Amino acid sequence: MSILYFLVQQTMFFSIPLLVVALGGMFSERSGVINIALEGIMIMGAFTGILFINVVQKFIPGQGVLLLAVLVSSLTGVAVSLLHAYASINMKANQIISGTAINMLAPALAIFIARMIRTVQQIPFINQFRVNKVPLLGDIPLLGQLLFRNTYITTYLGFLILVISALVLYKTRFGLRLRSCGEHPQAADSAGINVYAMRYAGVMISGALAGLGGLVFVIPTSIEFNPEVSGYGFLALAVLIFGQWRPGRILAAAFFFGLMKAISSSYSGIDFMRAISIPAYIYKMIPYIATLIVLAFSSKTSQAPRAEGIPYDKGRR
């Protein structure tokens, strides 16, 4: 039973950032803008968030500094995503190239700034954010041990973002307008919807969630930040595609890929896996092999927004 608890908790640590970042990608692509810059935005969000924690932690103890870092990382994500939005929407640049440029720029910029500030690229922090047990809820049989012990508030923040995302996308006027801009932007424009503004909003929400996702990835899994997020931005794109751009399916996909990542990272803590004489690099390959297999079988039925990746020209019908 202890193995089950351990595996579920590890899966949560890896699934929640995938969930948050994939939901961010969903908002951008539902508006009609492909955002493969998620990896770069995650790096910059994690960088500024961890740097903030490193500087402020000595003055603001406990969970307060983490909540402030969440805000810092989200705002950083918005700022970086505006570069992609301007290139894709105003300049009508190729959205893949724009995203790739940000992915290449982000780690280099993070290393440059970190070395200017600290002379080394690693930024350490004291991980004082683990919640050993949530009062009352942690005493619930089985569920308390699985979900409310040895956890982080970012886990519950991820589930809150999921609920809000589903409500915004399907139960609000904003969500309807956003989806219409990703499906039929000309029709949306003729109905009086500002397609450019809606696409900017989608990309900015995407940036905020990707920046947050970078911080959410680093906090439970490390005690320092290096300018990389282990390809999680690209895994989040796989989650988004496998989840068919729908919040509920994205949740299921995130947990699947999170489980694969948990197995690849924690196999040494599971007795029967450690007993099997399989090289460590085979376990490390599991998430990426699973990604290839899943995408190979799901891509044929994939239904992306119809206007995704197509620059909108207001003067052309």
C-alpha atoms as a PDB file:
ATOM      1  CA  MET A   1       0.000   0.000   0.000  1.00  0.00           C
ATOM      2  CA  SER A   2       2.885   2.364   0.722  1.00  0.00           C
ATOM      3  CA  ILE A   3       4.053   1.898  -2.878  1.00  0.00           C
ATOM      4  CA  LEU A   4       0.616   3.023  -4.094  1.00  0.00           C
ATOM      5  CA  TYR A   5       0.744   6.149  -1.911  1.00  0.00           C
ATOM      6  CA  PHE A   6       4.242   6.929  -3.113  1.00  0.00           C
ATOM      7  CA  LEU A   7       3.380   6.452  -6.794  1.00  0.00           C
ATOM      8  CA  VAL A   8       0.178   8.522  -6.586  1.00  0.00           C
ATOM      9  CA  GLN A   9       1.969  11.397  -4.869  1.00  0.00           C
ATOM     10  CA  GLN A  10       4.789  11.335  -7.414  1.00  0.00           C
ATOM     11  CA  THR A  11       2.244  11.235 -10.232  1.00  0.00           C
ATOM     12  CA  MET A  12       0.589  14.337  -8.790  1.00  0.00           C
ATOM     13  CA  PHE A  13       3.904  16.189  -8.731  1.00  0.00           C
ATOM     14  CA  PHE A  14       4.455  15.504 -12.432  1.00  0.00           C
ATOM     15  CA  SER A  15       0.829  15.691 -13.640  1.00  0.00           C
ATOM     16  CA  ILE A  16      -0.193  19.062 -12.250  1.00  0.00           C
ATOM     17  CA  PRO A  17       2.363  21.150 -14.210  1.00  0.00           C
ATOM     18  CA  LEU A  18       1.418  19.226 -17.362  1.00  0.00           C
ATOM     19  CA  LEU A  19      -2.243  19.953 -16.667  1.00  0.00           C
ATOM     20  CA  VAL A  20      -1.695  23.668 -16.054  1.00  0.00           C
ATOM     21  CA  VAL A  21       0.531  24.206 -19.101  1.00  0.00           C
ATOM     22  CA  ALA A  22      -1.701  22.152 -21.406  1.00  0.00           C
ATOM     23  CA  LEU A  23      -4.722  24.183 -20.302  1.00  0.00           C
ATOM     24  CA  GLY A  24      -2.738  27.286 -21.170  1.00  0.00           C
ATOM     25  CA  GLY A  25      -1.998  25.891 -24.615  1.00  0.00           C
ATOM     26  CA  MET A  26      -5.697  25.119 -24.985  1.00  0.00           C
ATOM     27  CA  PHE A  27      -6.686  28.776 -24.568  1.00  0.00           C
ATOM     28  CA  SER A  28      -4.158  29.909 -27.152  1.00  0.00           C
ATOM     29  CA  GLU A  29      -5.025  27.291 -29.735  1.00  0.00           C
ATOM     30  CA  ARG A  30      -8.766  27.651 -29.160  1.00  0.00           C
ATOM     31  CA  SER A  31      -8.313  31.289 -30.142  1.00  0.00           C
ATOM     32  CA  GLY A  32      -6.516  30.224 -33.323  1.00  0.00           C
ATOM     33  CA  VAL A  33      -2.845  30.727 -32.366  1.00  0.00           C
ATOM     34  CA  ILE A  34      -0.486  27.754 -32.099  1.00  0.00           C
ATOM     35  CA  ASN A  35       1.760  28.191 -29.078  1.00  0.00           C
ATOM     36  CA  ILE A  36       4.734  25.848 -29.183  1.00  0.00           C
ATOM     37  CA  ALA A  37       6.621  28.414 -27.098  1.00  0.00           C
ATOM     38  CA  LEU A  38       5.249  26.753 -23.948  1.00  0.00           C
ATOM     39  CA  GLU A  39       8.665  25.271 -23.150  1.00  0.00           C
ATOM     40  CA  GLY A  40      10.410  28.644 -23.289  1.00  0.00           C
ATOM     41  CA  ILE A  41       7.662  30.381 -21.321  1.00  0.00           C
ATOM     42  CA  MET A  42       7.868  27.674 -18.641  1.00  0.00           C
ATOM     43  CA  ILE A  43      11.615  28.243 -18.335  1.00  0.00           C
ATOM     44  CA  MET A  44      11.237  31.991 -17.910  1.00  0.00           C
ATOM     45  CA  GLY A  45       8.334  31.608 -15.475  1.00  0.00           C
ATOM     46  CA  ALA A  46      10.278  29.116 -13.366  1.00  0.00           C
ATOM     47  CA  PHE A  47      13.401  31.297 -13.516  1.00  0.00           C
ATOM     48  CA  THR A  48      11.749  34.471 -12.239  1.00  0.00           C
ATOM     49  CA  GLY A  49       9.638  32.616  -9.684  1.00  0.00           C
ATOM     50  CA  ILE A  50      12.566  30.730  -8.164  1.00  0.00           C
ATOM     51  CA  LEU A  51      14.768  33.836  -8.266  1.00  0.00           C
ATOM     52  CA  PHE A  52      12.038  35.709  -6.385  1.00  0.00           C
ATOM     53  CA  ILE A  53      11.845  32.933  -3.789  1.00  0.00           C
ATOM     54  CA  ASN A  54      15.639  32.917  -3.433  1.00  0.00           C
ATOM     55  CA  VAL A  55      15.710  36.658  -2.715  1.00  0.00           C
ATOM     56  CA  VAL A  56      12.555  37.046  -0.625  1.00  0.00           C
ATOM     57  CA  GLN A  57      12.439  33.743   1.258  1.00  0.00           C
ATOM     58  CA  LYS A  58      14.514  35.033   4.153  1.00  0.00           C
ATOM     59  CA  PHE A  59      12.006  37.856   4.736  1.00  0.00           C
ATOM     60  CA  ILE A  60       8.681  36.093   4.072  1.00  0.00           C
ATOM     61  CA  PRO A  61       8.617  32.564   5.524  1.00  0.00           C
ATOM     62  CA  GLY A  62       6.084  29.857   4.756  1.00  0.00           C
ATOM     63  CA  GLN A  63       3.530  29.584   1.986  1.00  0.00           C
ATOM     64  CA  GLY A  64       3.189  33.345   1.495  1.00  0.00           C
ATOM     65  CA  VAL A  65       6.353  33.599  -0.575  1.00  0.00           C
ATOM     66  CA  LEU A  66       5.165  30.736  -2.799  1.00  0.00           C
ATOM     67  CA  LEU A  67       1.876  32.486  -3.502  1.00  0.00           C
ATOM     68  CA  LEU A  68       3.748  35.660  -4.427  1.00  0.00           C
ATOM     69  CA  ALA A  69       6.085  33.638  -6.642  1.00  0.00           C
ATOM     70  CA  VAL A  70       3.021  32.222  -8.417  1.00  0.00           C
ATOM     71  CA  LEU A  71       2.049  35.767  -9.320  1.00  0.00           C
ATOM     72  CA  VAL A  72       5.596  36.631 -10.457  1.00  0.00           C
ATOM     73  CA  SER A  73       5.847  33.551 -12.683  1.00  0.00           C
ATOM     74  CA  SER A  74       2.414  34.165 -14.200  1.00  0.00           C
ATOM     75  CA  LEU A  75       3.207  37.794 -15.019  1.00  0.00           C
ATOM     76  CA  THR A  76       6.514  36.719 -16.549  1.00  0.00           C
ATOM     77  CA  GLY A  77       4.648  34.234 -18.717  1.00  0.00           C
ATOM     78  CA  VAL A  78       2.281  36.945 -19.893  1.00  0.00           C
ATOM     79  CA  ALA A  79       5.189  39.235 -20.792  1.00  0.00           C
ATOM     80  CA  VAL A  80       6.983  36.548 -22.813  1.00  0.00           C
ATOM     81  CA  SER A  81       3.771  35.436 -24.520  1.00  0.00           C
ATOM     82  CA  LEU A  82       3.184  38.990 -25.747  1.00  0.00           C
ATOM     83  CA  LEU A  83       6.237  38.601 -27.977  1.00  0.00           C
ATOM     84  CA  HIS A  84       4.651  35.546 -29.565  1.00  0.00           C
ATOM     85  CA  ALA A  85       1.270  37.258 -29.802  1.00  0.00           C
ATOM     86  CA  TYR A  86       2.685  40.324 -31.542  1.00  0.00           C
ATOM     87  CA  ALA A  87       4.658  38.258 -34.037  1.00  0.00           C
ATOM     88  CA  SER A  88       1.774  35.883 -34.753  1.00  0.00           C
ATOM     89  CA  ILE A  89      -1.185  38.276 -34.738  1.00  0.00           C
ATOM     90  CA  ASN A  90       0.116  41.689 -35.776  1.00  0.00           C
ATOM     91  CA  MET A  91       3.060  40.667 -37.930  1.00  0.00           C
ATOM     92  CA  LYS A  92       1.338  37.487 -39.192  1.00  0.00           C
ATOM     93  CA  ALA A  93       4.598  35.583 -38.790  1.00  0.00           C
ATOM     94  CA  ASN A  94       4.794  31.827 -39.002  1.00  0.00           C
ATOM     95  CA  GLN A  95       3.598  30.758 -35.561  1.00  0.00           C
ATOM     96  CA  ILE A  96       5.861  27.699 -35.408  1.00  0.00           C
ATOM     97  CA  ILE A  97       8.951  29.788 -36.115  1.00  0.00           C
ATOM     98  CA  SER A  98       7.917  32.437 -33.593  1.00  0.00           C
ATOM     99  CA  GLY A  99       7.413  29.819 -30.886  1.00  0.00           C
ATOM    100  CA  THR A 100      10.679  28.094 -31.728  1.00  0.00           C
ATOM    101  CA  ALA A 101      12.547  31.396 -31.453  1.00  0.00           C
ATOM    102  CA  ILE A 102      11.195  31.902 -27.925  1.00  0.00           C
ATOM    103  CA  ASN A 103      12.138  28.341 -26.985  1.00  0.00           C
ATOM    104  CA  MET A 104      15.695  29.054 -28.098  1.00  0.00           C
ATOM    105  CA  LEU A 105      15.876  32.486 -26.473  1.00  0.00           C
ATOM    106  CA  ALA A 106      14.473  31.592 -23.042  1.00  0.00           C
ATOM    107  CA  PRO A 107      17.187  29.265 -21.661  1.00  0.00           C
ATOM    108  CA  ALA A 108      19.973  31.457 -23.013  1.00  0.00           C
ATOM    109  CA  LEU A 109      18.413  34.566 -21.463  1.00  0.00           C
ATOM    110  CA  ALA A 110      17.848  32.797 -18.133  1.00  0.00           C
ATOM    111  CA  ILE A 111      21.474  31.632 -18.019  1.00  0.00           C
ATOM    112  CA  PHE A 112      22.739  35.102 -18.928  1.00  0.00           C
ATOM    113  CA  ILE A 113      20.723  36.882 -16.236  1.00  0.00           C
ATOM    114  CA  ALA A 114      21.460  34.229 -13.588  1.00  0.00           C
ATOM    115  CA  ARG A 115      25.200  34.462 -14.190  1.00  0.00           C
ATOM    116  CA  MET A 116      25.103  38.251 -14.063  1.00  0.00           C
ATOM    117  CA  ILE A 117      23.342  38.087 -10.698  1.00  0.00           C
ATOM    118  CA  ARG A 118      24.964  35.028  -9.082  1.00  0.00           C
ATOM    119  CA  THR A 119      27.959  34.152 -11.354  1.00  0.00           C
ATOM    120  CA  VAL A 120      26.472  30.631 -11.710  1.00  0.00           C
ATOM    121  CA  GLN A 121      23.346  29.557 -13.556  1.00  0.00           C
ATOM    122  CA  GLN A 122      21.851  27.506 -10.714  1.00  0.00           C
ATOM    123  CA  ILE A 123      19.441  29.283  -8.381  1.00  0.00           C
ATOM    124  CA  PRO A 124      18.899  27.388  -5.090  1.00  0.00           C
ATOM    125  CA  PHE A 125      15.929  27.730  -2.772  1.00  0.00           C
ATOM    126  CA  ILE A 126      14.814  26.205   0.513  1.00  0.00           C
ATOM    127  CA  ASN A 127      11.855  23.926  -0.084  1.00  0.00           C
ATOM    128  CA  GLN A 128       9.679  24.808   2.903  1.00  0.00           C
ATOM    129  CA  PHE A 129       6.448  24.503   0.960  1.00  0.00           C
ATOM    130  CA  ARG A 130       5.551  20.849   1.461  1.00  0.00           C
ATOM    131  CA  VAL A 131       2.283  20.390   3.370  1.00  0.00           C
ATOM    132  CA  ASN A 132       2.738  17.345   5.593  1.00  0.00           C
ATOM    133  CA  LYS A 133      -0.978  17.000   6.281  1.00  0.00           C
ATOM    134  CA  VAL A 134      -4.020  19.097   5.445  1.00  0.00           C
ATOM    135  CA  PRO A 135      -6.029  19.557   8.661  1.00  0.00           C
ATOM    136  CA  LEU A 136      -9.083  17.267   8.878  1.00  0.00           C
ATOM    137  CA  LEU A 137      -8.872  16.188   5.224  1.00  0.00           C
ATOM    138  CA  GLY A 138      -5.592  14.420   5.881  1.00  0.00           C
ATOM    139  CA  ASP A 139      -7.351  12.094   8.333  1.00  0.00           C
ATOM    140  CA  ILE A 140      -9.816  10.728   5.759  1.00  0.00           C
ATOM    141  CA  PRO A 141      -9.149   6.996   5.269  1.00  0.00           C
ATOM    142  CA  LEU A 142      -7.281   6.209   2.049  1.00  0.00           C
ATOM    143  CA  LEU A 143      -8.067   9.522   0.279  1.00  0.00           C
ATOM    144  CA  GLY A 144      -6.416  11.498   3.048  1.00  0.00           C
ATOM    145  CA  GLN A 145      -3.178   9.582   2.613  1.00  0.00           C
ATOM    146  CA  LEU A 146      -3.336   9.813  -1.188  1.00  0.00           C
ATOM    147  CA  LEU A 147      -4.356  13.422  -1.729  1.00  0.00           C
ATOM    148  CA  PHE A 148      -3.938  15.426   1.469  1.00  0.00           C
ATOM    149  CA  ARG A 149      -0.565  14.405   2.858  1.00  0.00           C
ATOM    150  CA  ASN A 150       2.948  15.258   1.648  1.00  0.00           C
ATOM    151  CA  THR A 151       1.535  17.612  -0.945  1.00  0.00           C
ATOM    152  CA  TYR A 152       1.818  21.216  -2.123  1.00  0.00           C
ATOM    153  CA  ILE A 153      -0.746  23.977  -2.441  1.00  0.00           C
ATOM    154  CA  THR A 154       0.169  24.145  -6.136  1.00  0.00           C
ATOM    155  CA  THR A 155      -1.553  20.769  -6.556  1.00  0.00           C
ATOM    156  CA  TYR A 156      -4.879  22.210  -5.443  1.00  0.00           C
ATOM    157  CA  LEU A 157      -4.216  25.350  -7.455  1.00  0.00           C
ATOM    158  CA  GLY A 158      -3.924  23.140 -10.545  1.00  0.00           C
ATOM    159  CA  PHE A 159      -7.322  21.558  -9.933  1.00  0.00           C
ATOM    160  CA  LEU A 160      -8.829  24.996  -9.301  1.00  0.00           C
ATOM    161  CA  ILE A 161      -7.442  26.219 -12.640  1.00  0.00           C
ATOM    162  CA  LEU A 162      -8.993  23.178 -14.335  1.00  0.00           C
ATOM    163  CA  VAL A 163     -12.461  23.976 -12.977  1.00  0.00           C
ATOM    164  CA  ILE A 164     -12.174  27.673 -13.811  1.00  0.00           C
ATOM    165  CA  SER A 165     -10.910  26.894 -17.317  1.00  0.00           C
ATOM    166  CA  ALA A 166     -13.846  24.595 -18.047  1.00  0.00           C
ATOM    167  CA  LEU A 167     -16.342  27.160 -16.762  1.00  0.00           C
ATOM    168  CA  VAL A 168     -14.752  30.027 -18.692  1.00  0.00           C
ATOM    169  CA  LEU A 169     -14.497  28.070 -21.930  1.00  0.00           C
ATOM    170  CA  TYR A 170     -18.014  26.622 -21.981  1.00  0.00           C
ATOM    171  CA  LYS A 171     -20.155  28.751 -19.658  1.00  0.00           C
ATOM    172  CA  THR A 172     -19.178  32.343 -20.429  1.00  0.00           C
ATOM    173  CA  ARG A 173     -19.571  34.749 -23.337  1.00  0.00           C
ATOM    174  CA  PHE A 174     -15.811  35.194 -23.389  1.00  0.00           C
ATOM    175  CA  GLY A 175     -15.301  31.446 -23.875  1.00  0.00           C
ATOM    176  CA  LEU A 176     -17.814  31.310 -26.710  1.00  0.00           C
ATOM    177  CA  ARG A 177     -16.137  34.221 -28.474  1.00  0.00           C
ATOM    178  CA  LEU A 178     -12.698  32.703 -27.964  1.00  0.00           C
ATOM    179  CA  ARG A 179     -13.777  29.393 -29.484  1.00  0.00           C
ATOM    180  CA  SER A 180     -15.462  31.126 -32.402  1.00  0.00           C
ATOM    181  CA  CYS A 181     -12.210  32.952 -33.236  1.00  0.00           C
ATOM    182  CA  GLY A 182     -10.423  29.618 -33.434  1.00  0.00           C
ATOM    183  CA  GLU A 183     -13.075  28.017 -35.615  1.00  0.00           C
ATOM    184  CA  HIS A 184     -14.513  30.739 -37.871  1.00  0.00           C
ATOM    185  CA  PRO A 185     -12.739  34.084 -37.315  1.00  0.00           C
ATOM    186  CA  GLN A 186     -14.430  35.729 -40.322  1.00  0.00           C
ATOM    187  CA  ALA A 187     -17.863  34.838 -38.974  1.00  0.00           C
ATOM    188  CA  ALA A 188     -16.851  36.043 -35.514  1.00  0.00           C
ATOM    189  CA  ASP A 189     -15.649  39.336 -36.981  1.00  0.00           C
ATOM    190  CA  SER A 190     -18.909  39.820 -38.879  1.00  0.00           C
ATOM    191  CA  ALA A 191     -20.739  39.352 -35.561  1.00  0.00           C
ATOM    192  CA  GLY A 192     -18.785  42.242 -34.057  1.00  0.00           C
ATOM    193  CA  ILE A 193     -16.116  40.260 -32.187  1.00  0.00           C
ATOM    194  CA  ASN A 194     -12.613  41.719 -32.192  1.00  0.00           C
ATOM    195  CA  VAL A 195     -10.645  38.691 -33.392  1.00  0.00           C
ATOM    196  CA  TYR A 196      -7.268  40.302 -32.717  1.00  0.00           C
ATOM    197  CA  ALA A 197      -8.217  41.146 -29.126  1.00  0.00           C
ATOM    198  CA  MET A 198      -9.575  37.658 -28.459  1.00  0.00           C
ATOM    199  CA  ARG A 199      -6.445  36.034 -29.862  1.00  0.00           C
ATOM    200  CA  TYR A 200      -4.277  38.296 -27.723  1.00  0.00           C
ATOM    201  CA  ALA A 201      -6.339  37.275 -24.700  1.00  0.00           C
ATOM    202  CA  GLY A 202      -5.939  33.587 -25.527  1.00  0.00           C
ATOM    203  CA  VAL A 203      -2.170  33.844 -25.923  1.00  0.00           C
ATOM    204  CA  MET A 204      -1.793  35.903 -22.741  1.00  0.00           C
ATOM    205  CA  ILE A 205      -3.799  33.382 -20.704  1.00  0.00           C
ATOM    206  CA  SER A 206      -1.638  30.682 -22.238  1.00  0.00           C
ATOM    207  CA  GLY A 207       1.487  32.564 -21.174  1.00  0.00           C
ATOM    208  CA  ALA A 208       0.241  33.098 -17.618  1.00  0.00           C
ATOM    209  CA  LEU A 209      -0.516  29.395 -17.154  1.00  0.00           C
ATOM    210  CA  ALA A 210       2.724  28.255 -18.828  1.00  0.00           C
ATOM    211  CA  GLY A 211       4.786  30.572 -16.627  1.00  0.00           C
ATOM    212  CA  LEU A 212       2.950  29.254 -13.574  1.00  0.00           C
ATOM    213  CA  GLY A 213       3.455  25.696 -14.813  1.00  0.00           C
ATOM    214  CA  GLY A 214       7.209  26.204 -14.871  1.00  0.00           C
ATOM    215  CA  LEU A 215       7.204  27.135 -11.190  1.00  0.00           C
ATOM    216  CA  VAL A 216       4.787  24.310 -10.324  1.00  0.00           C
ATOM    217  CA  PHE A 217       7.150  21.854 -12.024  1.00  0.00           C
ATOM    218  CA  VAL A 218      10.283  22.949 -10.150  1.00  0.00           C
ATOM    219  CA  ILE A 219       8.919  23.349  -6.610  1.00  0.00           C
ATOM    220  CA  PRO A 220       8.085  19.672  -5.790  1.00  0.00           C
ATOM    221  CA  THR A 221      10.902  18.093  -7.795  1.00  0.00           C
ATOM    222  CA  SER A 222      14.059  20.082  -7.022  1.00  0.00           C
ATOM    223  CA  ILE A 223      15.838  22.401  -4.594  1.00  0.00           C
ATOM    224  CA  GLU A 224      17.397  24.580  -7.292  1.00  0.00           C
ATOM    225  CA  PHE A 225      16.569  25.890 -10.734  1.00  0.00           C
ATOM    226  CA  ASN A 226      18.579  25.129 -13.849  1.00  0.00           C
ATOM    227  CA  PRO A 227      17.428  26.778 -17.091  1.00  0.00           C
ATOM    228  CA  GLU A 228      15.469  23.769 -18.323  1.00  0.00           C
ATOM    229  CA  VAL A 229      12.165  22.025 -17.586  1.00  0.00           C
ATOM    230  CA  SER A 230      12.937  18.560 -18.969  1.00  0.00           C
ATOM    231  CA  GLY A 231      10.938  19.039 -22.149  1.00  0.00           C
ATOM    232  CA  TYR A 232       7.717  19.543 -20.222  1.00  0.00           C
ATOM    233  CA  GLY A 233       6.487  22.237 -22.591  1.00  0.00           C
ATOM    234  CA  PHE A 234       6.557  19.746 -25.449  1.00  0.00           C
ATOM    235  CA  LEU A 235       4.992  17.024 -23.300  1.00  0.00           C
ATOM    236  CA  ALA A 236       2.222  19.511 -22.488  1.00  0.00           C
ATOM    237  CA  LEU A 237       1.601  19.917 -26.221  1.00  0.00           C
ATOM    238  CA  ALA A 238       1.231  16.138 -26.462  1.00  0.00           C
ATOM    239  CA  VAL A 239      -1.218  16.241 -23.541  1.00  0.00           C
ATOM    240  CA  LEU A 240      -3.159  18.995 -25.308  1.00  0.00           C
ATOM    241  CA  ILE A 241      -3.425  17.023 -28.551  1.00  0.00           C
ATOM    242  CA  PHE A 242      -4.242  13.740 -26.815  1.00  0.00           C
ATOM    243  CA  GLY A 243      -6.816  15.616 -24.735  1.00  0.00           C
ATOM    244  CA  GLN A 244      -8.478  16.967 -27.907  1.00  0.00           C
ATOM    245  CA  TRP A 245      -8.370  20.569 -26.668  1.00  0.00           C
ATOM    246  CA  ARG A 246     -10.991  19.760 -23.980  1.00  0.00           C
ATOM    247  CA  PRO A 247     -10.365  20.322 -20.239  1.00  0.00           C
ATOM    248  CA  GLY A 248     -11.726  16.964 -19.044  1.00  0.00           C
ATOM    249  CA  ARG A 249      -9.722  14.947 -21.551  1.00  0.00           C
ATOM    250  CA  ILE A 250      -6.649  17.059 -20.884  1.00  0.00           C
ATOM    251  CA  LEU A 251      -6.924  16.083 -17.203  1.00  0.00           C
ATOM    252  CA  ALA A 252      -6.954  12.370 -18.098  1.00  0.00           C
ATOM    253  CA  ALA A 253      -4.056  12.790 -20.520  1.00  0.00           C
ATOM    254  CA  ALA A 254      -2.028  14.745 -17.941  1.00  0.00           C
ATOM    255  CA  PHE A 255      -2.422  11.967 -15.382  1.00  0.00           C
ATOM    256  CA  PHE A 256      -1.411   9.336 -17.923  1.00  0.00           C
ATOM    257  CA  PHE A 257       1.769  11.159 -18.915  1.00  0.00           C
ATOM    258  CA  GLY A 258       2.396  12.130 -15.290  1.00  0.00           C
ATOM    259  CA  LEU A 259       2.257   8.459 -14.306  1.00  0.00           C
ATOM    260  CA  MET A 260       4.760   7.594 -17.034  1.00  0.00           C
ATOM    261  CA  LYS A 261       7.062  10.350 -15.802  1.00  0.00           C
ATOM    262  CA  ALA A 262       6.664   9.248 -12.178  1.00  0.00           C
ATOM    263  CA  ILE A 263       7.642   5.686 -13.090  1.00  0.00           C
ATOM    264  CA  SER A 264      10.679   6.865 -15.044  1.00  0.00           C
ATOM    265  CA  SER A 265      11.874   9.098 -12.206  1.00  0.00           C
ATOM    266  CA  SER A 266      10.978   7.002  -9.151  1.00  0.00           C
ATOM    267  CA  TYR A 267      11.553   3.405 -10.260  1.00  0.00           C
ATOM    268  CA  SER A 268      14.487   3.097  -7.850  1.00  0.00           C
ATOM    269  CA  GLY A 269      12.074   3.610  -4.958  1.00  0.00           C
ATOM    270  CA  ILE A 270       9.810   0.743  -6.062  1.00  0.00           C
ATOM    271  CA  ASP A 271      11.168  -2.629  -4.994  1.00  0.00           C
ATOM    272  CA  PHE A 272       9.982  -4.848  -7.840  1.00  0.00           C
ATOM    273  CA  MET A 273      11.124  -2.335 -10.489  1.00  0.00           C
ATOM    274  CA  ARG A 274      14.513  -1.999  -8.853  1.00  0.00           C
ATOM    275  CA  ALA A 275      14.832  -5.788  -8.783  1.00  0.00           C
ATOM    276  CA  ILE A 276      14.359  -6.019 -12.550  1.00  0.00           C
ATOM    277  CA  SER A 277      17.709  -5.581 -14.230  1.00  0.00           C
ATOM    278  CA  ILE A 278      16.628  -2.934 -16.711  1.00  0.00           C
ATOM    279  CA  PRO A 279      19.099  -0.124 -17.474  1.00  0.00           C
ATOM    280  CA  ALA A 280      18.184   3.252 -15.994  1.00  0.00           C
ATOM    281  CA  TYR A 281      18.074   4.954 -19.391  1.00  0.00           C
ATOM    282  CA  ILE A 282      15.242   2.640 -20.462  1.00  0.00           C
ATOM    283  CA  TYR A 283      13.105   3.980 -17.626  1.00  0.00           C
ATOM    284  CA  LYS A 284      14.075   7.538 -18.541  1.00  0.00           C
ATOM    285  CA  MET A 285      12.766   6.937 -22.055  1.00  0.00           C
ATOM    286  CA  ILE A 286       9.301   5.768 -20.913  1.00  0.00           C
ATOM    287  CA  PRO A 287       7.471   9.159 -21.043  1.00  0.00           C
ATOM    288  CA  TYR A 288       8.761   9.972 -24.499  1.00  0.00           C
ATOM    289  CA  ILE A 289       8.104   6.503 -25.925  1.00  0.00           C
ATOM    290  CA  ALA A 290       4.584   6.726 -24.490  1.00  0.00           C
ATOM    291  CA  THR A 291       4.186  10.135 -26.144  1.00  0.00           C
ATOM    292  CA  LEU A 292       5.140   8.777 -29.557  1.00  0.00           C
ATOM    293  CA  ILE A 293       2.847   5.755 -29.233  1.00  0.00           C
ATOM    294  CA  VAL A 294      -0.142   7.775 -28.027  1.00  0.00           C
ATOM    295  CA  LEU A 295       0.224  10.457 -30.697  1.00  0.00           C
ATOM    296  CA  ALA A 296       0.656   7.834 -33.411  1.00  0.00           C
ATOM    297  CA  PHE A 297      -2.691   6.266 -32.530  1.00  0.00           C
ATOM    298  CA  SER A 298      -4.606   9.438 -31.630  1.00  0.00           C
ATOM    299  CA  SER A 299      -3.462  11.810 -34.391  1.00  0.00           C
ATOM    300  CA  LYS A 300      -5.858  10.323 -36.968  1.00  0.00           C
ATOM    301  CA  THR A 301      -8.889  11.305 -34.889  1.00  0.00           C
ATOM    302  CA  SER A 302      -7.434  14.632 -33.747  1.00  0.00           C
ATOM    303  CA  GLN A 303      -9.802  17.566 -34.278  1.00  0.00           C
ATOM    304  CA  ALA A 304      -7.884  20.787 -33.803  1.00  0.00           C
ATOM    305  CA  PRO A 305      -9.633  24.167 -34.075  1.00  0.00           C
ATOM    306  CA  ARG A 306     -10.190  24.810 -37.781  1.00  0.00           C
ATOM    307  CA  ALA A 307      -8.465  28.201 -37.924  1.00  0.00           C
ATOM    308  CA  GLU A 308      -5.554  27.164 -35.717  1.00  0.00           C
ATOM    309  CA  GLY A 309      -2.255  28.485 -37.037  1.00  0.00           C
ATOM    310  CA  ILE A 310      -3.859  30.586 -39.782  1.00  0.00           C
ATOM    311  CA  PRO A 311      -3.128  34.325 -39.444  1.00  0.00           C
ATOM    312  CA  TYR A 312      -6.309  36.380 -39.567  1.00  0.00           C
ATOM    313  CA  ASP A 313      -6.471  39.176 -42.127  1.00  0.00           C
ATOM    314  CA  LYS A 314      -9.377  41.470 -41.369  1.00  0.00           C
ATOM    315  CA  GLY A 315      -9.489  42.836 -44.889  1.00  0.00           C
ATOM    316  CA  ARG A 316      -9.765  39.415 -46.530  1.00  0.00           C
ATOM    317  CA  ARG A 317     -12.877  37.237 -46.575  1.00  0.00           C
END
